[in-house]
Amino acid sequence: MVSAVIEPSALHGTRAAYDAVASLYAELFSNVLEPLPVERALLAAFAEIVQAHDAGPVADIGCGPGHVTAHLHGLGLTTFGIDLSSAMVALARRAHPDLRFEEGSMTALDLADGVLGGILASYSIIHTQPRQLPVVFTEFRRVLAPGGHLLLGFFAGDDPLPQEFDHKVTLAYRWSPGSLAELLRQAGFVEVARLLREPHEGERFQQAHLLVRKAQEH
């Protein structure tokens, strides 16, 4: 999934890298959730929580070719996708013509304040330079309604500091769940749950998920 960063060169590089592999990516991940019962259960719980609060639609930010956006729609959510890569957005629109997909950067979302009931950011922050993550999380909080939830997926690291690794598309980072949870807290979120899954065959790292809620204004 595609993330955005503020520096034009890094932004352009990430977009270009995903544009170049979009068709192959869509083919390889067409059934991405099929072998992942833990992730499917987590998405079902996320959908139930968002529906219970009834605070607005869900944005799948870094949606890629739209497979998970469509899955959320199948769970009963009003959802749409946003991605940095124009090629990914084109593929998503072609595969799921009944859903809405837009180009956009997670550092400057083209959304009004407080309009979303939920955000899914499934591995979409992994290419974001660490110093820019507070900007991203502040933007996520801005567009979430009171009581809105964010589900964040990422590759887990065992060091408090972010760890670079050679992702197949472009440079990426692993994070310890505790470090990301602290950044989210500083950005105005309250942790609801965290999940750490051991790697399956063919996976290199532990897979981590944080579910957080927008804190109430004081």
Protein backbone atom coordinates (compact mmCIF):
# COMPACT_ATOMS: atom_id res chain seq x y z
CA MET A 1 0.00 0.00 0.00
CA VAL A 2 1.16 3.50 -0.77
CA SER A 3 2.05 6.21 1.70
CA ALA A 4 2.74 9.87 1.19
CA VAL A 5 5.51 12.08 2.50
CA ILE A 6 5.93 15.82 2.38
CA GLU A 7 9.20 16.18 0.41
CA PRO A 8 8.33 16.40 -3.31
CA SER A 9 11.20 14.10 -4.34
CA ALA A 10 10.23 11.36 -1.89
CA LEU A 11 6.56 11.77 -2.77
CA HIS A 12 7.33 11.49 -6.46
CA GLY A 13 9.59 8.49 -5.89
CA THR A 14 6.99 6.54 -3.94
CA ARG A 15 4.27 7.32 -6.46
CA ALA A 16 6.48 6.35 -9.39
CA ALA A 17 7.55 3.11 -7.73
CA TYR A 18 3.97 1.99 -7.21
CA ASP A 19 2.79 3.21 -10.61
CA ALA A 20 5.47 0.96 -12.13
CA VAL A 21 4.30 -2.21 -10.36
CA ALA A 22 0.56 -1.51 -10.12
CA SER A 23 -0.65 -4.23 -12.49
CA LEU A 24 1.60 -6.90 -10.99
CA TYR A 25 0.69 -5.79 -7.48
CA ALA A 26 -3.03 -6.01 -8.24
CA GLU A 27 -2.57 -9.51 -9.66
CA LEU A 28 -0.48 -10.79 -6.75
CA PHE A 29 -2.76 -9.38 -4.06
CA SER A 30 -6.15 -10.03 -5.67
CA ASN A 31 -6.97 -12.50 -2.86
CA VAL A 32 -4.82 -10.88 -0.21
CA LEU A 33 -7.20 -11.62 2.70
CA GLU A 34 -8.03 -15.21 1.76
CA PRO A 35 -5.16 -16.83 3.74
CA LEU A 36 -5.37 -14.31 6.61
CA PRO A 37 -8.15 -15.29 9.05
CA VAL A 38 -6.71 -13.12 11.83
CA GLU A 39 -6.76 -10.03 9.65
CA ARG A 40 -10.27 -10.81 8.42
CA ALA A 41 -11.48 -11.11 11.99
CA LEU A 42 -9.83 -7.81 12.89
CA LEU A 43 -11.45 -6.05 9.94
CA ALA A 44 -14.83 -7.50 10.95
CA ALA A 45 -14.35 -6.16 14.48
CA PHE A 46 -13.31 -2.77 13.10
CA ALA A 47 -16.42 -2.67 10.90
CA GLU A 48 -18.67 -3.54 13.84
CA ILE A 49 -17.12 -0.85 16.03
CA VAL A 50 -17.41 1.82 13.32
CA GLN A 51 -21.02 0.88 12.58
CA ALA A 52 -21.89 1.07 16.29
CA HIS A 53 -20.67 4.66 16.47
CA ASP A 54 -22.34 5.62 13.16
CA ALA A 55 -20.04 8.64 12.81
CA GLY A 56 -19.55 8.63 9.03
CA PRO A 57 -17.97 6.69 6.15
CA VAL A 58 -14.64 4.89 6.22
CA ALA A 59 -11.64 5.92 4.12
CA ASP A 60 -9.21 3.19 3.09
CA ILE A 61 -6.08 5.32 2.87
CA GLY A 62 -3.38 3.73 0.76
CA CYS A 63 -6.01 1.51 -0.82
CA GLY A 64 -3.88 0.21 -3.69
CA PRO A 65 -6.04 -1.65 -6.23
CA GLY A 66 -9.03 -1.58 -3.89
CA HIS A 67 -9.30 -5.18 -2.71
CA VAL A 68 -9.60 -4.33 0.98
CA THR A 69 -11.86 -1.34 0.27
CA ALA A 70 -14.25 -3.77 -1.41
CA HIS A 71 -13.96 -6.14 1.54
CA LEU A 72 -14.97 -3.37 3.94
CA HIS A 73 -17.90 -2.55 1.68
CA GLY A 74 -18.92 -6.20 1.86
CA LEU A 75 -18.91 -5.92 5.66
CA GLY A 76 -21.59 -3.25 5.41
CA LEU A 77 -19.50 -0.11 5.63
CA THR A 78 -19.88 2.96 3.47
CA THR A 79 -16.31 3.18 2.27
CA PHE A 80 -14.05 4.73 -0.35
CA GLY A 81 -10.37 4.49 -1.23
CA ILE A 82 -7.55 7.02 -1.48
CA ASP A 83 -4.14 6.28 -2.96
CA LEU A 84 -1.06 8.23 -4.00
CA SER A 85 -0.60 6.18 -7.17
CA SER A 86 -2.75 7.16 -10.15
CA ALA A 87 -2.15 3.72 -11.67
CA MET A 88 -3.45 2.02 -8.52
CA VAL A 89 -6.52 4.25 -8.49
CA ALA A 90 -7.24 3.45 -12.14
CA LEU A 91 -7.02 -0.29 -11.43
CA ALA A 92 -9.27 0.06 -8.36
CA ARG A 93 -11.91 1.96 -10.33
CA ARG A 94 -11.83 -0.67 -13.07
CA ALA A 95 -12.10 -3.61 -10.65
CA HIS A 96 -14.73 -2.01 -8.39
CA PRO A 97 -16.78 0.44 -10.48
CA ASP A 98 -19.46 0.69 -7.79
CA LEU A 99 -17.00 2.19 -5.29
CA ARG A 100 -15.27 5.57 -5.11
CA PHE A 101 -11.50 5.88 -5.45
CA GLU A 102 -9.45 9.07 -5.48
CA GLU A 103 -5.83 10.13 -5.75
CA GLY A 104 -4.53 11.80 -2.62
CA SER A 105 -1.76 12.28 -0.10
CA MET A 106 -2.22 11.29 3.51
CA THR A 107 -0.33 14.37 4.63
CA ALA A 108 -2.95 16.66 3.08
CA LEU A 109 -6.27 14.87 2.65
CA ASP A 110 -8.87 16.58 0.50
CA LEU A 111 -11.51 16.07 3.19
CA ALA A 112 -13.31 18.39 5.57
CA ASP A 113 -12.75 18.23 9.31
CA GLY A 114 -14.56 15.46 11.17
CA VAL A 115 -16.26 13.78 8.21
CA LEU A 116 -15.04 10.20 8.67
CA GLY A 117 -16.30 7.53 11.02
CA GLY A 118 -13.20 5.44 10.42
CA ILE A 119 -9.85 5.19 8.67
CA LEU A 120 -8.12 2.03 7.56
CA ALA A 121 -4.40 2.54 6.91
CA SER A 122 -3.25 -0.99 6.10
CA TYR A 123 0.52 -0.90 5.62
CA SER A 124 0.13 2.52 4.02
CA ILE A 125 2.51 4.34 6.38
CA ILE A 126 5.46 1.99 5.88
CA HIS A 127 7.21 4.22 3.32
CA THR A 128 6.61 7.45 5.23
CA GLN A 129 9.78 8.96 6.63
CA PRO A 130 9.61 8.69 10.43
CA ARG A 131 9.79 12.45 11.03
CA GLN A 132 6.67 12.91 8.89
CA LEU A 133 4.46 10.42 10.74
CA PRO A 134 3.24 12.99 13.31
CA VAL A 135 1.99 15.08 10.36
CA VAL A 136 0.13 12.06 8.98
CA PHE A 137 -1.43 11.15 12.32
CA THR A 138 -2.51 14.74 12.94
CA GLU A 139 -4.19 14.76 9.54
CA PHE A 140 -5.93 11.46 10.31
CA ARG A 141 -7.26 12.94 13.54
CA ARG A 142 -8.46 16.08 11.77
CA VAL A 143 -10.71 14.22 9.34
CA LEU A 144 -12.12 11.78 11.90
CA ALA A 145 -15.41 12.57 13.63
CA PRO A 146 -15.66 12.46 17.42
CA GLY A 147 -15.58 8.79 18.35
CA GLY A 148 -14.01 7.88 15.00
CA HIS A 149 -11.59 4.96 14.84
CA LEU A 150 -8.31 4.33 13.03
CA LEU A 151 -7.02 0.83 12.26
CA LEU A 152 -3.33 0.89 11.42
CA GLY A 153 -1.42 -2.07 9.96
CA PHE A 154 2.39 -2.19 9.71
CA PHE A 155 5.46 -4.40 9.87
CA ALA A 156 6.65 -4.79 13.45
CA GLY A 157 10.18 -4.09 14.61
CA ASP A 158 11.89 -5.04 17.86
CA ASP A 159 13.68 -1.73 18.38
CA PRO A 160 12.13 1.44 19.85
CA LEU A 161 13.48 3.34 16.83
CA PRO A 162 12.13 2.75 13.31
CA GLN A 163 14.14 0.23 11.31
CA GLU A 164 14.72 0.62 7.57
CA PHE A 165 14.33 -2.45 5.36
CA ASP A 166 14.52 -3.26 1.67
CA HIS A 167 10.87 -3.46 0.70
CA LYS A 168 10.40 -4.88 -2.81
CA VAL A 169 8.89 -1.65 -4.11
CA THR A 170 10.80 1.11 -2.31
CA LEU A 171 12.47 1.88 1.03
CA ALA A 172 10.26 1.12 4.01
CA TYR A 173 10.31 1.13 7.81
CA ARG A 174 9.36 -1.26 10.58
CA TRP A 175 8.06 0.09 13.88
CA SER A 176 7.64 -1.31 17.35
CA PRO A 177 3.94 -1.24 18.31
CA GLY A 178 4.80 0.67 21.47
CA SER A 179 6.60 3.43 19.59
CA LEU A 180 3.76 3.91 17.12
CA ALA A 181 1.21 3.81 19.92
CA GLU A 182 3.06 6.64 21.62
CA LEU A 183 3.12 8.74 18.44
CA LEU A 184 -0.61 8.17 18.06
CA ARG A 185 -1.20 9.18 21.67
CA GLN A 186 0.73 12.39 21.11
CA ALA A 187 -1.42 13.07 18.05
CA GLY A 188 -4.63 12.80 20.08
CA PHE A 189 -5.63 9.14 19.89
CA VAL A 190 -6.59 6.64 22.59
CA GLU A 191 -5.49 3.04 22.11
CA VAL A 192 -8.29 0.50 21.96
CA ALA A 193 -6.44 -2.68 21.00
CA ARG A 194 -3.22 -3.99 19.51
CA LEU A 195 -2.45 -7.23 17.72
CA LEU A 196 0.89 -8.83 16.88
CA ARG A 197 0.92 -11.83 14.55
CA GLU A 198 3.90 -14.07 13.87
CA PRO A 199 5.00 -14.23 10.22
CA HIS A 200 3.48 -16.85 7.97
CA GLU A 201 5.60 -18.84 5.56
CA GLY A 202 7.05 -16.42 3.04
CA GLU A 203 6.69 -13.41 5.35
CA ARG A 204 9.81 -11.78 6.78
CA PHE A 205 8.48 -9.91 9.80
CA GLN A 206 5.84 -9.91 12.49
CA GLN A 207 2.64 -8.17 11.40
CA ALA A 208 1.22 -5.55 13.77
CA HIS A 209 -2.08 -3.72 14.03
CA LEU A 210 -3.17 -0.86 16.27
CA LEU A 211 -6.80 0.15 16.75
CA VAL A 212 -7.18 3.64 18.18
CA ARG A 213 -9.98 6.11 18.79
CA LYS A 214 -9.96 9.86 18.36
CA ALA A 215 -9.69 11.36 21.84
CA GLN A 216 -12.42 13.68 23.03
CA GLU A 217 -11.79 17.41 22.88
CA HIS A 218 -11.37 19.18 26.21
